[in-house]
Amino acid sequence: MIDDMSTKTTVESTWRRMLEHHSAARRSGSPEVIEAAAAEPRLRQLFPFLSHGCLTFHRNTAYPWSNDLPFIACTTPYKVYATGYAELLGETETAQEAAALVVAHLPRDCGPAVEGPWPQPGSDPE
């Protein structure tokens, strides 16, 4: 059976490329953090983005990003920060603990990522 990536969402395709170390995937994070985050169902529905040694999560798939969710700095110990380094939420010894800490700090209304840019304040969605 041939897997047709065109039928997958942007979120699914991005996670898959990151997990498979596809040449198009960004590689500035740690494989352990990517795998631990992907194992968390609530994180797996968000758009993952690697930059500057951090794995961030977004409610949408294109710039401008939502930028309102906690993220993981891929260092040892792993550090979990609130949006924009506003607050260190905790340090963990394992990537799994870091992913769980992000999940624990997600807003209740944090559902699957939407395709496209995040609505800007004051914009009319219609």
N, C-alpha and C. Protein backbone atom coordinates (compact mmCIF):
# COMPACT_ATOMS: atom_id res chain seq x y z
N MET A 1 0.84 -1.18 0.00
CA MET A 1 0.00 0.00 0.00
C MET A 1 0.88 1.24 0.00
N ILE A 2 0.58 2.17 -0.87
CA ILE A 2 1.35 3.41 -0.97
C ILE A 2 0.70 4.44 -0.06
N ASP A 3 1.53 5.08 0.75
CA ASP A 3 1.05 6.11 1.66
C ASP A 3 1.03 7.44 0.92
N ASP A 4 -0.13 8.02 0.73
CA ASP A 4 -0.28 9.28 0.03
C ASP A 4 -0.28 10.42 1.04
N MET A 5 0.87 11.11 1.14
CA MET A 5 0.99 12.18 2.13
C MET A 5 0.07 13.35 1.81
N SER A 6 -0.42 13.45 0.57
CA SER A 6 -1.30 14.56 0.23
C SER A 6 -2.64 14.48 0.96
N THR A 7 -2.99 13.30 1.47
CA THR A 7 -4.24 13.16 2.20
C THR A 7 -4.07 13.47 3.68
N LYS A 8 -2.86 13.69 4.12
CA LYS A 8 -2.59 14.00 5.52
C LYS A 8 -2.65 15.51 5.74
N THR A 9 -2.95 15.89 6.96
CA THR A 9 -2.96 17.31 7.29
C THR A 9 -1.53 17.83 7.39
N THR A 10 -1.38 19.13 7.41
CA THR A 10 -0.07 19.74 7.58
C THR A 10 0.55 19.30 8.90
N VAL A 11 -0.26 19.23 9.95
CA VAL A 11 0.23 18.81 11.26
C VAL A 11 0.76 17.37 11.19
N GLU A 12 -0.02 16.47 10.63
CA GLU A 12 0.41 15.07 10.53
C GLU A 12 1.67 14.93 9.70
N SER A 13 1.73 15.62 8.58
CA SER A 13 2.90 15.54 7.71
C SER A 13 4.15 16.10 8.38
N THR A 14 3.99 17.18 9.11
CA THR A 14 5.13 17.79 9.80
C THR A 14 5.66 16.88 10.90
N TRP A 15 4.77 16.33 11.71
CA TRP A 15 5.21 15.38 12.75
C TRP A 15 5.93 14.20 12.10
N ARG A 16 5.37 13.69 11.03
CA ARG A 16 5.97 12.52 10.38
C ARG A 16 7.38 12.84 9.89
N ARG A 17 7.56 13.98 9.22
CA ARG A 17 8.89 14.36 8.73
C ARG A 17 9.87 14.51 9.89
N MET A 18 9.40 15.10 10.98
CA MET A 18 10.29 15.28 12.14
C MET A 18 10.69 13.93 12.73
N LEU A 19 9.73 13.04 12.86
CA LEU A 19 10.00 11.72 13.46
C LEU A 19 10.89 10.85 12.57
N GLU A 20 10.76 11.02 11.26
CA GLU A 20 11.54 10.22 10.32
C GLU A 20 12.84 10.92 9.90
N HIS A 21 13.11 12.08 10.46
CA HIS A 21 14.32 12.85 10.14
C HIS A 21 14.41 13.12 8.65
N HIS A 22 13.26 13.39 8.03
CA HIS A 22 13.19 13.69 6.61
C HIS A 22 14.09 14.89 6.30
N SER A 23 14.69 14.89 5.13
CA SER A 23 15.62 15.96 4.77
C SER A 23 14.96 17.35 4.80
N ALA A 24 13.66 17.40 4.60
CA ALA A 24 12.97 18.70 4.63
C ALA A 24 12.65 19.16 6.05
N ALA A 25 12.80 18.28 7.03
CA ALA A 25 12.48 18.63 8.41
C ALA A 25 13.62 19.43 9.03
N ARG A 26 13.27 20.37 9.89
CA ARG A 26 14.29 21.12 10.61
C ARG A 26 14.84 20.24 11.72
N ARG A 27 16.13 20.33 11.97
CA ARG A 27 16.78 19.42 12.91
C ARG A 27 17.49 20.13 14.06
N SER A 28 16.96 21.21 14.52
CA SER A 28 17.65 21.93 15.59
C SER A 28 17.21 21.47 16.98
N GLY A 29 16.42 20.43 17.07
CA GLY A 29 15.98 19.92 18.36
C GLY A 29 16.56 18.55 18.61
N SER A 30 16.16 17.94 19.69
CA SER A 30 16.67 16.62 20.01
C SER A 30 15.64 15.56 19.61
N PRO A 31 16.09 14.45 19.03
CA PRO A 31 15.16 13.38 18.65
C PRO A 31 14.34 12.87 19.84
N GLU A 32 14.95 12.84 21.03
CA GLU A 32 14.23 12.36 22.22
C GLU A 32 13.04 13.26 22.55
N VAL A 33 13.23 14.56 22.41
CA VAL A 33 12.14 15.50 22.70
C VAL A 33 11.03 15.36 21.66
N ILE A 34 11.42 15.25 20.40
CA ILE A 34 10.43 15.10 19.33
C ILE A 34 9.61 13.83 19.56
N GLU A 35 10.27 12.73 19.85
CA GLU A 35 9.56 11.46 20.07
C GLU A 35 8.66 11.52 21.30
N ALA A 36 9.14 12.12 22.38
CA ALA A 36 8.33 12.23 23.60
C ALA A 36 7.10 13.11 23.37
N ALA A 37 7.29 14.23 22.66
CA ALA A 37 6.16 15.13 22.38
C ALA A 37 5.15 14.45 21.46
N ALA A 38 5.65 13.74 20.46
CA ALA A 38 4.75 13.06 19.52
C ALA A 38 3.94 11.96 20.20
N ALA A 39 4.44 11.41 21.28
CA ALA A 39 3.73 10.36 22.02
C ALA A 39 2.58 10.91 22.86
N GLU A 40 2.54 12.22 23.05
CA GLU A 40 1.47 12.86 23.82
C GLU A 40 0.34 13.26 22.87
N PRO A 41 -0.83 12.65 22.98
CA PRO A 41 -1.93 12.95 22.05
C PRO A 41 -2.29 14.42 21.94
N ARG A 42 -2.27 15.16 23.03
CA ARG A 42 -2.64 16.59 22.96
C ARG A 42 -1.58 17.40 22.22
N LEU A 43 -0.32 17.00 22.32
CA LEU A 43 0.72 17.71 21.59
C LEU A 43 0.73 17.30 20.12
N ARG A 44 0.44 16.05 19.85
CA ARG A 44 0.47 15.53 18.48
C ARG A 44 -0.58 16.21 17.60
N GLN A 45 -1.60 16.84 18.20
CA GLN A 45 -2.61 17.54 17.40
C GLN A 45 -2.22 18.99 17.13
N LEU A 46 -1.13 19.44 17.73
CA LEU A 46 -0.66 20.81 17.52
C LEU A 46 0.45 20.84 16.47
N PHE A 47 0.71 22.00 15.90
CA PHE A 47 1.75 22.14 14.89
C PHE A 47 3.10 22.30 15.60
N PRO A 48 4.05 21.36 15.36
CA PRO A 48 5.36 21.44 15.99
C PRO A 48 6.30 22.30 15.15
N PHE A 49 7.16 23.04 15.83
CA PHE A 49 8.12 23.88 15.12
C PHE A 49 9.42 23.90 15.90
N LEU A 50 10.51 23.55 15.23
CA LEU A 50 11.83 23.56 15.85
C LEU A 50 12.58 24.82 15.44
N SER A 51 13.13 25.51 16.42
CA SER A 51 13.94 26.68 16.14
C SER A 51 14.81 27.00 17.34
N HIS A 52 16.04 27.32 17.08
CA HIS A 52 16.97 27.73 18.13
C HIS A 52 17.03 26.76 19.30
N GLY A 53 17.00 25.46 19.00
CA GLY A 53 17.11 24.45 20.04
C GLY A 53 15.87 24.28 20.89
N CYS A 54 14.73 24.78 20.41
CA CYS A 54 13.48 24.65 21.15
C CYS A 54 12.41 24.00 20.27
N LEU A 55 11.56 23.21 20.90
CA LEU A 55 10.40 22.65 20.22
C LEU A 55 9.19 23.42 20.71
N THR A 56 8.59 24.18 19.79
CA THR A 56 7.40 24.96 20.12
C THR A 56 6.17 24.31 19.51
N PHE A 57 5.02 24.67 20.03
CA PHE A 57 3.75 24.11 19.59
C PHE A 57 2.81 25.27 19.29
N HIS A 58 2.06 25.11 18.20
CA HIS A 58 1.18 26.19 17.77
C HIS A 58 -0.21 25.67 17.44
N ARG A 59 -1.19 26.56 17.56
CA ARG A 59 -2.58 26.22 17.29
C ARG A 59 -2.91 26.35 15.80
N ASN A 60 -1.93 26.68 14.98
CA ASN A 60 -2.13 26.87 13.56
C ASN A 60 -0.89 26.43 12.79
N THR A 61 -1.01 26.37 11.45
CA THR A 61 0.05 25.76 10.65
C THR A 61 0.87 26.73 9.81
N ALA A 62 0.59 28.02 9.86
CA ALA A 62 1.33 28.98 9.04
C ALA A 62 1.50 30.30 9.79
N TYR A 63 2.57 31.01 9.45
CA TYR A 63 2.84 32.30 10.07
C TYR A 63 1.72 33.28 9.74
N PRO A 64 1.30 34.14 10.67
CA PRO A 64 1.80 34.28 12.03
C PRO A 64 1.28 33.17 12.94
N TRP A 65 2.17 32.72 13.81
CA TRP A 65 1.87 31.62 14.73
C TRP A 65 1.03 32.11 15.90
N SER A 66 0.38 31.17 16.56
CA SER A 66 -0.41 31.51 17.74
C SER A 66 0.48 32.00 18.87
N ASN A 67 1.65 31.40 19.05
CA ASN A 67 2.63 31.83 20.07
C ASN A 67 2.05 32.03 21.45
N ASP A 68 1.17 31.13 21.87
CA ASP A 68 0.57 31.27 23.19
C ASP A 68 0.65 29.99 24.01
N LEU A 69 1.53 29.07 23.61
CA LEU A 69 1.62 27.79 24.30
C LEU A 69 3.02 27.57 24.87
N PRO A 70 3.11 26.76 25.92
CA PRO A 70 4.42 26.46 26.48
C PRO A 70 5.27 25.68 25.48
N PHE A 71 6.58 25.67 25.70
CA PHE A 71 7.49 24.98 24.79
C PHE A 71 8.65 24.37 25.56
N ILE A 72 9.43 23.52 24.86
CA ILE A 72 10.54 22.80 25.47
C ILE A 72 11.86 23.30 24.90
N ALA A 73 12.77 23.68 25.78
CA ALA A 73 14.15 23.96 25.38
C ALA A 73 14.88 22.61 25.43
N CYS A 74 15.45 22.23 24.29
CA CYS A 74 16.06 20.90 24.14
C CYS A 74 17.46 20.87 24.73
N THR A 75 17.55 21.11 26.02
CA THR A 75 18.82 21.08 26.75
C THR A 75 18.69 20.03 27.84
N THR A 76 19.79 19.71 28.48
CA THR A 76 19.71 18.80 29.62
C THR A 76 20.22 19.54 30.85
N PRO A 77 19.41 19.67 31.90
CA PRO A 77 18.05 19.18 31.98
C PRO A 77 17.15 19.93 30.99
N TYR A 78 16.05 19.28 30.62
CA TYR A 78 15.09 19.89 29.71
C TYR A 78 14.36 21.00 30.47
N LYS A 79 14.14 22.11 29.79
CA LYS A 79 13.44 23.23 30.42
C LYS A 79 12.15 23.48 29.67
N VAL A 80 11.09 23.69 30.43
CA VAL A 80 9.78 24.01 29.84
C VAL A 80 9.45 25.44 30.25
N TYR A 81 9.16 26.25 29.23
CA TYR A 81 8.86 27.66 29.45
C TYR A 81 7.44 27.98 29.03
N ALA A 82 6.90 29.00 29.69
CA ALA A 82 5.65 29.59 29.22
C ALA A 82 5.99 30.40 27.97
N THR A 83 5.00 30.83 27.26
CA THR A 83 5.19 31.58 26.03
C THR A 83 6.24 32.67 26.16
N GLY A 84 7.15 32.71 25.18
CA GLY A 84 8.14 33.78 25.11
C GLY A 84 9.09 33.83 26.28
N TYR A 85 9.39 32.72 26.89
CA TYR A 85 10.28 32.65 28.05
C TYR A 85 9.75 33.47 29.22
N ALA A 86 8.43 33.71 29.25
CA ALA A 86 7.83 34.53 30.30
C ALA A 86 8.07 33.95 31.69
N GLU A 87 8.10 32.62 31.76
CA GLU A 87 8.25 31.95 33.06
C GLU A 87 8.81 30.56 32.83
N LEU A 88 9.76 30.17 33.65
CA LEU A 88 10.26 28.79 33.63
C LEU A 88 9.24 27.95 34.39
N LEU A 89 8.58 27.05 33.67
CA LEU A 89 7.55 26.22 34.30
C LEU A 89 8.15 25.02 35.02
N GLY A 90 9.36 24.64 34.61
CA GLY A 90 10.03 23.55 35.29
C GLY A 90 11.20 22.99 34.50
N GLU A 91 12.04 22.23 35.20
CA GLU A 91 13.15 21.52 34.58
C GLU A 91 12.93 20.04 34.84
N THR A 92 13.24 19.21 33.83
CA THR A 92 13.05 17.77 33.97
C THR A 92 14.28 17.03 33.49
N GLU A 93 14.44 15.83 33.97
CA GLU A 93 15.56 15.00 33.56
C GLU A 93 15.29 14.23 32.29
N THR A 94 14.00 13.98 31.98
CA THR A 94 13.68 13.21 30.79
C THR A 94 12.81 14.02 29.83
N ALA A 95 12.91 13.64 28.57
CA ALA A 95 12.09 14.30 27.55
C ALA A 95 10.61 14.00 27.78
N GLN A 96 10.30 12.80 28.27
CA GLN A 96 8.91 12.44 28.54
C GLN A 96 8.31 13.32 29.62
N GLU A 97 9.09 13.60 30.65
CA GLU A 97 8.61 14.49 31.72
C GLU A 97 8.40 15.91 31.20
N ALA A 98 9.28 16.35 30.30
CA ALA A 98 9.14 17.69 29.72
C ALA A 98 7.86 17.78 28.89
N ALA A 99 7.60 16.76 28.07
CA ALA A 99 6.38 16.75 27.25
C ALA A 99 5.15 16.74 28.14
N ALA A 100 5.17 15.96 29.21
CA ALA A 100 4.04 15.91 30.13
C ALA A 100 3.82 17.25 30.82
N LEU A 101 4.90 17.96 31.11
CA LEU A 101 4.79 19.27 31.75
C LEU A 101 4.15 20.28 30.79
N VAL A 102 4.49 20.20 29.51
CA VAL A 102 3.84 21.07 28.53
C VAL A 102 2.35 20.78 28.51
N VAL A 103 2.00 19.50 28.43
CA VAL A 103 0.58 19.11 28.40
C VAL A 103 -0.15 19.64 29.63
N ALA A 104 0.47 19.55 30.78
CA ALA A 104 -0.15 20.02 32.03
C ALA A 104 -0.43 21.52 32.01
N HIS A 105 0.29 22.26 31.19
CA HIS A 105 0.12 23.72 31.13
C HIS A 105 -0.60 24.20 29.88
N LEU A 106 -1.15 23.29 29.09
CA LEU A 106 -1.92 23.71 27.93
C LEU A 106 -3.27 24.27 28.37
N PRO A 107 -3.75 25.30 27.69
CA PRO A 107 -5.09 25.82 28.00
C PRO A 107 -6.15 24.75 27.73
N ARG A 108 -7.23 24.79 28.46
CA ARG A 108 -8.31 23.80 28.27
C ARG A 108 -8.88 23.83 26.86
N ASP A 109 -8.93 25.01 26.27
CA ASP A 109 -9.53 25.15 24.94
C ASP A 109 -8.54 24.88 23.80
N CYS A 110 -7.44 24.25 24.12
CA CYS A 110 -6.40 24.00 23.12
C CYS A 110 -6.73 22.73 22.35
N GLY A 111 -7.36 22.92 21.20
CA GLY A 111 -7.76 21.79 20.37
C GLY A 111 -6.80 21.60 19.21
N PRO A 112 -7.21 20.83 18.23
CA PRO A 112 -6.34 20.60 17.07
C PRO A 112 -5.98 21.91 16.36
N ALA A 113 -4.78 21.94 15.81
CA ALA A 113 -4.32 23.12 15.08
C ALA A 113 -5.18 23.34 13.84
N VAL A 114 -5.40 24.60 13.52
CA VAL A 114 -6.14 24.96 12.32
C VAL A 114 -5.15 25.19 11.19
N GLU A 115 -5.57 24.89 9.97
CA GLU A 115 -4.73 25.14 8.79
C GLU A 115 -4.65 26.64 8.54
N GLY A 116 -3.45 27.12 8.27
CA GLY A 116 -3.26 28.51 7.90
C GLY A 116 -2.79 29.39 9.05
N PRO A 117 -2.77 30.71 8.80
CA PRO A 117 -2.27 31.66 9.81
C PRO A 117 -3.23 31.84 10.97
N TRP A 118 -2.68 32.29 12.09
CA TRP A 118 -3.48 32.57 13.28
C TRP A 118 -4.16 33.91 13.10
N PRO A 119 -5.45 34.00 13.43
CA PRO A 119 -6.15 35.28 13.28
C PRO A 119 -5.50 36.37 14.14
N GLN A 120 -5.34 37.51 13.56
CA GLN A 120 -4.76 38.65 14.27
C GLN A 120 -5.85 39.35 15.08
N PRO A 121 -5.50 39.94 16.22
CA PRO A 121 -6.51 40.67 17.01
C PRO A 121 -7.20 41.72 16.16
N GLY A 122 -8.52 41.76 16.25
CA GLY A 122 -9.29 42.75 15.52
C GLY A 122 -9.61 42.35 14.09
N SER A 123 -9.10 41.19 13.65
CA SER A 123 -9.41 40.78 12.27
C SER A 123 -10.80 40.15 12.22
N ASP A 124 -11.44 40.30 11.11
CA ASP A 124 -12.78 39.73 10.91
C ASP A 124 -12.62 38.38 10.27
N PRO A 125 -13.00 37.30 10.95
CA PRO A 125 -12.80 35.96 10.41
C PRO A 125 -13.63 35.66 9.17
N GLU A 126 -14.62 36.47 8.85
CA GLU A 126 -15.48 36.20 7.69
C GLU A 126 -15.06 37.00 6.50
